[in-house]
Each structure stands twice: as C-alpha cells, then as structure tokens.
C-alpha cells in the first residue's frame, strides 16, 4: 500500500446534521432579511448544482443562493462572508484525526482527500489544519463531477501520481463513493459515519466489505495488511 485517499465529511470531520443546516440557514436568512425556511429549502433542493461544478467559486454560489431565495440579483457579499465563516468551522478536525494523519505520513504513506464539496469548502480548505497533512485534495465543485464519477478518482490518482492497485480508499459511503473506488481499481475500506446518528448523507448505499469504526483505526488496519 502506497497511498491512502480519504473522504472528508463523515470520515475526517463529522457529517452535518439537520440542526446544523437549520442554524446555517438561519444565519444566512438573517443577513438577507428572508425566512429561514426559504434558505433551508434552497439547501435541501440544490445539492447537485452546488457540488457538481456548476458553481465552482464562493461568489458564484452566494449569487446563486441570493437569486433563488430572494428572486432578485441583490448584493451577495454578506452571504459570502457567512459561507466563509461556516466553512471554516466545519473543517476543524478532532485532534485524534490529525494525530492519525501524522502517523500515516510517518509510515511513509501518501495521503489524499477526495470530497463532494461545495465552493465555500474548497475555498476554506487551504486554511484547514487538515490541508497541511495531506499531499493533495480534489473537490467536486472544482472538478465538475460528483462521486462515483470516475473522473474524480482518476484526478486524485493523477495528482498523487499513484497507481490504483497501490491505493486504499477510505470513506463512510456517501455518494456511492465506495462503489466508485472499487470500479477505479482501488482497495476500499468503509468507516462508520463520523457524527451524530442523524448526520446527513447524500446517496449513501449499503456496504458489505471491510469496515472500521473510525479513521483513528486506520494505522492498525494498514499494518495488518502489510
């Protein structure tokens, strides 16, 4: 095993919950002067367009949100500011996760992140504590595809310059990501979704292959493989 590619939400950081989505919608609604329900409806109905490359920048995302919620091309700067604040908070990992990534790097493994993510997450990534601990990150909003599209798996392998047969993909299973990794020729390991029981997951499917409880179990799992 030469490389480990990890999912982000539900794997390295907790998947968001319905309560957190409502809280985010409330903050945005406040700066827009709109009902929270309208902003929350926007988030619920636009997962695909927010993640598939249609809105690759935080400005494009904020403008799209304002246009859909207020039905007008009103200024979107305040929404951009809220999105940035929310994204930085979501990318704060548990210390045990960063310790695990350091352990994997110390064992000589190359690390990558492959995530279905909207533009505010991609924009916040360079300032996340996780960014300095991985060798490459690929985000769907910038790549123009969502999991399990093979374009994403090809891109992360090319960026890391690693063969599929030497790569272990690790994720909680949202977006049919595990099936996509298998199709790409990678070894696959599922982790139980990080976060509360009601954490949100898009297009998750069942999995009957190898599974560990958390990312913190990875070093021991990989040691057994070797």
C-alpha atoms as a PDB file:
ATOM      1  CA  UNK A   1       0.000   0.000   0.000  1.00  0.00           C
ATOM      2  CA  UNK A   2       1.499   3.321  -1.100  1.00  0.00           C
ATOM      3  CA  UNK A   3      -1.361   5.799  -0.839  1.00  0.00           C
ATOM      4  CA  UNK A   4      -4.497   6.412   1.190  1.00  0.00           C
ATOM      5  CA  UNK A   5      -7.307   8.532  -0.281  1.00  0.00           C
ATOM      6  CA  UNK A   6      -9.854   9.725   2.265  1.00  0.00           C
ATOM      7  CA  UNK A   7     -13.332  11.132   2.076  1.00  0.00           C
ATOM      8  CA  UNK A   8     -13.860  14.355   4.039  1.00  0.00           C
ATOM      9  CA  UNK A   9     -17.350  14.708   5.557  1.00  0.00           C
ATOM     10  CA  UNK A  10     -18.396  11.782   7.685  1.00  0.00           C
ATOM     11  CA  UNK A  11     -14.849  10.469   7.581  1.00  0.00           C
ATOM     12  CA  UNK A  12     -12.290  13.099   8.634  1.00  0.00           C
ATOM     13  CA  UNK A  13     -14.794  15.596  10.020  1.00  0.00           C
ATOM     14  CA  UNK A  14     -18.378  14.996  11.163  1.00  0.00           C
ATOM     15  CA  UNK A  15     -21.110  14.962   8.579  1.00  0.00           C
ATOM     16  CA  UNK A  16     -23.509  17.887   9.087  1.00  0.00           C
ATOM     17  CA  UNK A  17     -26.780  17.374  10.906  1.00  0.00           C
ATOM     18  CA  UNK A  18     -30.255  18.744  10.111  1.00  0.00           C
ATOM     19  CA  UNK A  19     -29.901  21.052  13.111  1.00  0.00           C
ATOM     20  CA  UNK A  20     -26.624  22.442  11.803  1.00  0.00           C
ATOM     21  CA  UNK A  21     -28.177  23.024   8.384  1.00  0.00           C
ATOM     22  CA  UNK A  22     -31.029  24.929  10.024  1.00  0.00           C
ATOM     23  CA  UNK A  23     -28.569  27.007  12.036  1.00  0.00           C
ATOM     24  CA  UNK A  24     -26.622  27.840   8.868  1.00  0.00           C
ATOM     25  CA  UNK A  25     -29.827  28.760   7.068  1.00  0.00           C
ATOM     26  CA  UNK A  26     -30.821  31.000   9.981  1.00  0.00           C
ATOM     27  CA  UNK A  27     -27.538  32.929   9.822  1.00  0.00           C
ATOM     28  CA  UNK A  28     -27.898  33.486   6.090  1.00  0.00           C
ATOM     29  CA  UNK A  29     -31.589  34.369   6.374  1.00  0.00           C
ATOM     30  CA  UNK A  30     -30.711  36.996   8.951  1.00  0.00           C
ATOM     31  CA  UNK A  31     -28.378  38.890   6.614  1.00  0.00           C
ATOM     32  CA  UNK A  32     -30.869  38.579   3.749  1.00  0.00           C
ATOM     33  CA  UNK A  33     -33.933  39.512   5.734  1.00  0.00           C
ATOM     34  CA  UNK A  34     -35.621  36.354   4.444  1.00  0.00           C
ATOM     35  CA  UNK A  35     -37.394  33.482   6.243  1.00  0.00           C
ATOM     36  CA  UNK A  36     -35.100  30.699   7.433  1.00  0.00           C
ATOM     37  CA  UNK A  37     -37.397  28.168   5.769  1.00  0.00           C
ATOM     38  CA  UNK A  38     -36.661  29.615   2.331  1.00  0.00           C
ATOM     39  CA  UNK A  39     -32.893  29.346   2.802  1.00  0.00           C
ATOM     40  CA  UNK A  40     -33.202  25.849   4.227  1.00  0.00           C
ATOM     41  CA  UNK A  41     -35.348  24.844   1.249  1.00  0.00           C
ATOM     42  CA  UNK A  42     -32.598  26.150  -1.006  1.00  0.00           C
ATOM     43  CA  UNK A  43     -30.010  23.935   0.677  1.00  0.00           C
ATOM     44  CA  UNK A  44     -32.313  20.916   0.525  1.00  0.00           C
ATOM     45  CA  UNK A  45     -33.110  21.270  -3.170  1.00  0.00           C
ATOM     46  CA  UNK A  46     -29.745  22.301  -4.646  1.00  0.00           C
ATOM     47  CA  UNK A  47     -27.252  19.650  -3.522  1.00  0.00           C
ATOM     48  CA  UNK A  48     -26.386  18.616  -7.074  1.00  0.00           C
ATOM     49  CA  UNK A  49     -25.831  22.058  -8.540  1.00  0.00           C
ATOM     50  CA  UNK A  50     -23.819  23.188  -5.511  1.00  0.00           C
ATOM     51  CA  UNK A  51     -21.459  20.226  -5.793  1.00  0.00           C
ATOM     52  CA  UNK A  52     -21.145  19.289  -9.472  1.00  0.00           C
ATOM     53  CA  UNK A  53     -19.058  22.193 -10.738  1.00  0.00           C
ATOM     54  CA  UNK A  54     -21.916  24.425 -11.877  1.00  0.00           C
ATOM     55  CA  UNK A  55     -20.997  26.861  -9.053  1.00  0.00           C
ATOM     56  CA  UNK A  56     -17.201  26.498  -8.751  1.00  0.00           C
ATOM     57  CA  UNK A  57     -16.497  29.670  -6.720  1.00  0.00           C
ATOM     58  CA  UNK A  58     -17.872  31.008  -3.473  1.00  0.00           C
ATOM     59  CA  UNK A  59     -19.040  34.166  -5.279  1.00  0.00           C
ATOM     60  CA  UNK A  60     -20.983  32.120  -7.828  1.00  0.00           C
ATOM     61  CA  UNK A  61     -22.538  30.094  -5.019  1.00  0.00           C
ATOM     62  CA  UNK A  62     -23.538  33.149  -2.982  1.00  0.00           C
ATOM     63  CA  UNK A  63     -25.039  34.869  -6.019  1.00  0.00           C
ATOM     64  CA  UNK A  64     -26.993  31.728  -6.891  1.00  0.00           C
ATOM     65  CA  UNK A  65     -28.309  31.446  -3.340  1.00  0.00           C
ATOM     66  CA  UNK A  66     -29.444  35.073  -3.217  1.00  0.00           C
ATOM     67  CA  UNK A  67     -31.066  34.849  -6.642  1.00  0.00           C
ATOM     68  CA  UNK A  68     -33.017  31.729  -5.694  1.00  0.00           C
ATOM     69  CA  UNK A  69     -34.068  32.837  -2.222  1.00  0.00           C
ATOM     70  CA  UNK A  70     -34.920  36.466  -2.975  1.00  0.00           C
ATOM     71  CA  UNK A  71     -35.803  36.115  -6.657  1.00  0.00           C
ATOM     72  CA  UNK A  72     -33.530  39.048  -7.477  1.00  0.00           C
ATOM     73  CA  UNK A  73     -29.874  39.771  -8.199  1.00  0.00           C
ATOM     74  CA  UNK A  74     -29.315  41.552  -4.885  1.00  0.00           C
ATOM     75  CA  UNK A  75     -25.799  42.103  -3.442  1.00  0.00           C
ATOM     76  CA  UNK A  76     -24.376  38.822  -2.191  1.00  0.00           C
ATOM     77  CA  UNK A  77     -21.279  39.976  -0.273  1.00  0.00           C
ATOM     78  CA  UNK A  78     -22.800  39.430   3.197  1.00  0.00           C
ATOM     79  CA  UNK A  79     -23.816  35.888   2.207  1.00  0.00           C
ATOM     80  CA  UNK A  80     -20.261  35.198   1.047  1.00  0.00           C
ATOM     81  CA  UNK A  81     -18.985  36.262   4.464  1.00  0.00           C
ATOM     82  CA  UNK A  82     -21.375  33.912   6.280  1.00  0.00           C
ATOM     83  CA  UNK A  83     -20.487  30.999   3.984  1.00  0.00           C
ATOM     84  CA  UNK A  84     -16.792  31.544   4.666  1.00  0.00           C
ATOM     85  CA  UNK A  85     -17.368  31.579   8.420  1.00  0.00           C
ATOM     86  CA  UNK A  86     -19.460  28.425   8.325  1.00  0.00           C
ATOM     87  CA  UNK A  87     -16.955  26.544   6.195  1.00  0.00           C
ATOM     88  CA  UNK A  88     -14.005  27.290   8.468  1.00  0.00           C
ATOM     89  CA  UNK A  89     -15.952  25.934  11.430  1.00  0.00           C
ATOM     90  CA  UNK A  90     -16.850  22.734   9.560  1.00  0.00           C
ATOM     91  CA  UNK A  91     -13.216  21.977   8.700  1.00  0.00           C
ATOM     92  CA  UNK A  92     -11.934  21.772  12.273  1.00  0.00           C
ATOM     93  CA  UNK A  93     -10.965  18.134  12.887  1.00  0.00           C
ATOM     94  CA  UNK A  94     -10.677  16.305  16.170  1.00  0.00           C
ATOM     95  CA  UNK A  95      -7.068  16.238  17.433  1.00  0.00           C
ATOM     96  CA  UNK A  96      -7.182  12.443  17.227  1.00  0.00           C
ATOM     97  CA  UNK A  97      -7.778  12.698  13.474  1.00  0.00           C
ATOM     98  CA  UNK A  98      -4.792  14.953  12.883  1.00  0.00           C
ATOM     99  CA  UNK A  99      -2.664  12.643  15.029  1.00  0.00           C
ATOM    100  CA  UNK A 100      -3.780   9.717  12.851  1.00  0.00           C
ATOM    101  CA  UNK A 101      -2.850  11.504   9.631  1.00  0.00           C
ATOM    102  CA  UNK A 102       0.576  12.323  11.056  1.00  0.00           C
ATOM    103  CA  UNK A 103       1.006   8.659  11.951  1.00  0.00           C
ATOM    104  CA  UNK A 104       0.139   7.566   8.415  1.00  0.00           C
ATOM    105  CA  UNK A 105       2.532  10.072   6.898  1.00  0.00           C
ATOM    106  CA  UNK A 106       5.202   8.950   9.337  1.00  0.00           C
ATOM    107  CA  UNK A 107       4.745   5.431   7.992  1.00  0.00           C
ATOM    108  CA  UNK A 108       5.660   6.695   4.521  1.00  0.00           C
ATOM    109  CA  UNK A 109       2.160   6.774   3.041  1.00  0.00           C
ATOM    110  CA  UNK A 110       0.995   9.479   0.661  1.00  0.00           C
ATOM    111  CA  UNK A 111      -2.381  10.940   1.607  1.00  0.00           C
ATOM    112  CA  UNK A 112      -5.142  12.477  -0.475  1.00  0.00           C
ATOM    113  CA  UNK A 113      -8.636  13.817   0.122  1.00  0.00           C
ATOM    114  CA  UNK A 114     -11.468  13.307  -2.357  1.00  0.00           C
ATOM    115  CA  UNK A 115     -14.677  15.089  -1.444  1.00  0.00           C
ATOM    116  CA  UNK A 116     -18.046  16.015  -2.821  1.00  0.00           C
ATOM    117  CA  UNK A 117     -17.903  19.622  -1.636  1.00  0.00           C
ATOM    118  CA  UNK A 118     -19.422  22.985  -2.455  1.00  0.00           C
ATOM    119  CA  UNK A 119     -17.383  26.081  -3.216  1.00  0.00           C
ATOM    120  CA  UNK A 120     -17.124  27.518   0.282  1.00  0.00           C
ATOM    121  CA  UNK A 121     -15.464  24.299   1.499  1.00  0.00           C
ATOM    122  CA  UNK A 122     -12.943  24.276  -1.331  1.00  0.00           C
ATOM    123  CA  UNK A 123     -12.163  27.938  -0.645  1.00  0.00           C
ATOM    124  CA  UNK A 124     -11.653  27.316   3.083  1.00  0.00           C
ATOM    125  CA  UNK A 125      -9.573  24.166   2.656  1.00  0.00           C
ATOM    126  CA  UNK A 126      -6.080  25.767   2.483  1.00  0.00           C
ATOM    127  CA  UNK A 127      -6.581  27.213   5.984  1.00  0.00           C
ATOM    128  CA  UNK A 128      -7.856  23.972   7.499  1.00  0.00           C
ATOM    129  CA  UNK A 129      -5.499  22.073   9.824  1.00  0.00           C
ATOM    130  CA  UNK A 130      -6.077  19.087   7.545  1.00  0.00           C
ATOM    131  CA  UNK A 131      -4.605  20.724   4.449  1.00  0.00           C
ATOM    132  CA  UNK A 132      -1.022  20.594   5.693  1.00  0.00           C
ATOM    133  CA  UNK A 133      -1.343  16.884   6.499  1.00  0.00           C
ATOM    134  CA  UNK A 134      -2.302  15.591   3.056  1.00  0.00           C
ATOM    135  CA  UNK A 135      -0.459  15.662  -0.261  1.00  0.00           C
ATOM    136  CA  UNK A 136      -3.415  16.534  -2.487  1.00  0.00           C
ATOM    137  CA  UNK A 137      -7.122  17.316  -2.336  1.00  0.00           C
ATOM    138  CA  UNK A 138      -9.760  17.102  -5.062  1.00  0.00           C
ATOM    139  CA  UNK A 139     -13.156  18.785  -4.633  1.00  0.00           C
ATOM    140  CA  UNK A 140     -16.141  18.030  -6.822  1.00  0.00           C
ATOM    141  CA  UNK A 141     -17.179  21.682  -7.232  1.00  0.00           C
ATOM    142  CA  UNK A 142     -13.870  22.411  -8.923  1.00  0.00           C
ATOM    143  CA  UNK A 143     -13.578  19.178 -10.870  1.00  0.00           C
ATOM    144  CA  UNK A 144     -17.039  19.291 -12.426  1.00  0.00           C
ATOM    145  CA  UNK A 145     -18.265  15.865 -11.309  1.00  0.00           C
ATOM    146  CA  UNK A 146     -19.620  14.144  -8.199  1.00  0.00           C
ATOM    147  CA  UNK A 147     -18.983  10.674  -6.824  1.00  0.00           C
ATOM    148  CA  UNK A 148     -18.961   7.982  -8.090  1.00  0.00           C
ATOM    149  CA  UNK A 149     -17.863   9.604 -11.394  1.00  0.00           C
ATOM    150  CA  UNK A 150     -14.551   8.037 -12.393  1.00  0.00           C
ATOM    151  CA  UNK A 151     -13.184  11.450 -13.349  1.00  0.00           C
ATOM    152  CA  UNK A 152     -12.711  12.231  -9.661  1.00  0.00           C
ATOM    153  CA  UNK A 153     -10.839   9.025  -8.852  1.00  0.00           C
ATOM    154  CA  UNK A 154      -8.638   9.465 -11.907  1.00  0.00           C
ATOM    155  CA  UNK A 155      -7.867  13.047 -10.901  1.00  0.00           C
ATOM    156  CA  UNK A 156      -6.801  12.256  -7.345  1.00  0.00           C
ATOM    157  CA  UNK A 157      -4.621   9.364  -8.506  1.00  0.00           C
ATOM    158  CA  UNK A 158      -3.008  11.521 -11.188  1.00  0.00           C
ATOM    159  CA  UNK A 159      -2.399  14.335  -8.714  1.00  0.00           C
ATOM    160  CA  UNK A 160      -0.801  11.925  -6.250  1.00  0.00           C
ATOM    161  CA  UNK A 161       0.987  10.057  -9.075  1.00  0.00           C
ATOM    162  CA  UNK A 162      -0.056   6.710  -7.657  1.00  0.00           C
ATOM    163  CA  UNK A 163      -1.438   3.528  -9.261  1.00  0.00           C
ATOM    164  CA  UNK A 164      -4.910   2.292  -8.385  1.00  0.00           C
ATOM    165  CA  UNK A 165      -3.613  -1.057  -7.152  1.00  0.00           C
ATOM    166  CA  UNK A 166      -1.423   0.719  -4.581  1.00  0.00           C
ATOM    167  CA  UNK A 167      -4.228   2.924  -3.261  1.00  0.00           C
ATOM    168  CA  UNK A 168      -6.629   2.394  -0.361  1.00  0.00           C
ATOM    169  CA  UNK A 169      -9.831   4.433  -0.477  1.00  0.00           C
ATOM    170  CA  UNK A 170     -11.452   5.203   2.885  1.00  0.00           C
ATOM    171  CA  UNK A 171     -14.908   6.708   3.321  1.00  0.00           C
ATOM    172  CA  UNK A 172     -18.276   6.492   5.054  1.00  0.00           C
ATOM    173  CA  UNK A 173     -20.096   5.538   1.852  1.00  0.00           C
ATOM    174  CA  UNK A 174     -21.998   8.697   0.919  1.00  0.00           C
ATOM    175  CA  UNK A 175     -22.384   9.425  -2.786  1.00  0.00           C
ATOM    176  CA  UNK A 176     -21.815   5.774  -3.697  1.00  0.00           C
ATOM    177  CA  UNK A 177     -18.127   6.565  -3.224  1.00  0.00           C
ATOM    178  CA  UNK A 178     -17.094   3.053  -2.198  1.00  0.00           C
ATOM    179  CA  UNK A 179     -18.537   1.527  -5.349  1.00  0.00           C
ATOM    180  CA  UNK A 180     -16.763   4.188  -7.391  1.00  0.00           C
ATOM    181  CA  UNK A 181     -13.432   3.439  -5.741  1.00  0.00           C
ATOM    182  CA  UNK A 182     -13.833  -0.275  -6.426  1.00  0.00           C
ATOM    183  CA  UNK A 183     -14.613   0.490 -10.046  1.00  0.00           C
ATOM    184  CA  UNK A 184     -11.438   2.578 -10.189  1.00  0.00           C
ATOM    185  CA  UNK A 185      -9.413  -0.442  -9.085  1.00  0.00           C
ATOM    186  CA  UNK A 186      -8.638   0.726  -5.565  1.00  0.00           C
ATOM    187  CA  UNK A 187      -8.755  -1.266  -2.363  1.00  0.00           C
ATOM    188  CA  UNK A 188     -11.674   0.014  -0.281  1.00  0.00           C
ATOM    189  CA  UNK A 189     -12.321   0.392   3.439  1.00  0.00           C
ATOM    190  CA  UNK A 190     -15.525   1.781   4.934  1.00  0.00           C
ATOM    191  CA  UNK A 191     -15.618   3.790   8.155  1.00  0.00           C
ATOM    192  CA  UNK A 192     -18.765   4.269  10.174  1.00  0.00           C
ATOM    193  CA  UNK A 193     -20.126   7.767   9.559  1.00  0.00           C
ATOM    194  CA  UNK A 194     -18.500  10.340  11.785  1.00  0.00           C
ATOM    195  CA  UNK A 195     -21.060  12.477  13.548  1.00  0.00           C
ATOM    196  CA  UNK A 196     -24.410  12.035  15.280  1.00  0.00           C
ATOM    197  CA  UNK A 197     -26.873   9.350  14.205  1.00  0.00           C
ATOM    198  CA  UNK A 198     -28.911  11.889  12.250  1.00  0.00           C
ATOM    199  CA  UNK A 199     -25.934  13.204  10.278  1.00  0.00           C
ATOM    200  CA  UNK A 200     -26.787  13.904   6.661  1.00  0.00           C
ATOM    201  CA  UNK A 201     -25.503  11.728   3.829  1.00  0.00           C
ATOM    202  CA  UNK A 202     -26.318  12.064   0.140  1.00  0.00           C
ATOM    203  CA  UNK A 203     -26.954   8.923  -1.887  1.00  0.00           C
ATOM    204  CA  UNK A 204     -25.426   6.514   0.628  1.00  0.00           C
ATOM    205  CA  UNK A 205     -25.551   2.798  -0.173  1.00  0.00           C
ATOM    206  CA  UNK A 206     -25.046  -0.410   1.776  1.00  0.00           C
ATOM    207  CA  UNK A 207     -21.593  -1.927   2.130  1.00  0.00           C
ATOM    208  CA  UNK A 208     -20.590  -5.484   2.959  1.00  0.00           C
ATOM    209  CA  UNK A 209     -16.823  -5.164   2.676  1.00  0.00           C
ATOM    210  CA  UNK A 210     -14.133  -4.319   5.248  1.00  0.00           C
ATOM    211  CA  UNK A 211     -15.230  -1.717   7.807  1.00  0.00           C
ATOM    212  CA  UNK A 212     -13.649   0.037  10.781  1.00  0.00           C
ATOM    213  CA  UNK A 213     -15.279   2.281  13.335  1.00  0.00           C
ATOM    214  CA  UNK A 214     -13.222   5.437  12.790  1.00  0.00           C
ATOM    215  CA  UNK A 215     -10.291   6.869  10.867  1.00  0.00           C
ATOM    216  CA  UNK A 216      -8.283   6.515  14.059  1.00  0.00           C
ATOM    217  CA  UNK A 217      -8.316   2.742  13.414  1.00  0.00           C
ATOM    218  CA  UNK A 218      -6.507   3.140  10.083  1.00  0.00           C
ATOM    219  CA  UNK A 219      -2.866   2.751  11.177  1.00  0.00           C
ATOM    220  CA  UNK A 220      -3.591  -0.600  12.817  1.00  0.00           C
ATOM    221  CA  UNK A 221      -5.659  -1.757   9.834  1.00  0.00           C
ATOM    222  CA  UNK A 222      -2.929  -0.891   7.341  1.00  0.00           C
ATOM    223  CA  UNK A 223      -0.276  -2.509   9.488  1.00  0.00           C
ATOM    224  CA  UNK A 224      -2.245  -5.741   9.391  1.00  0.00           C
ATOM    225  CA  UNK A 225      -2.446  -5.538   5.583  1.00  0.00           C
ATOM    226  CA  UNK A 226       1.311  -5.306   5.345  1.00  0.00           C
END
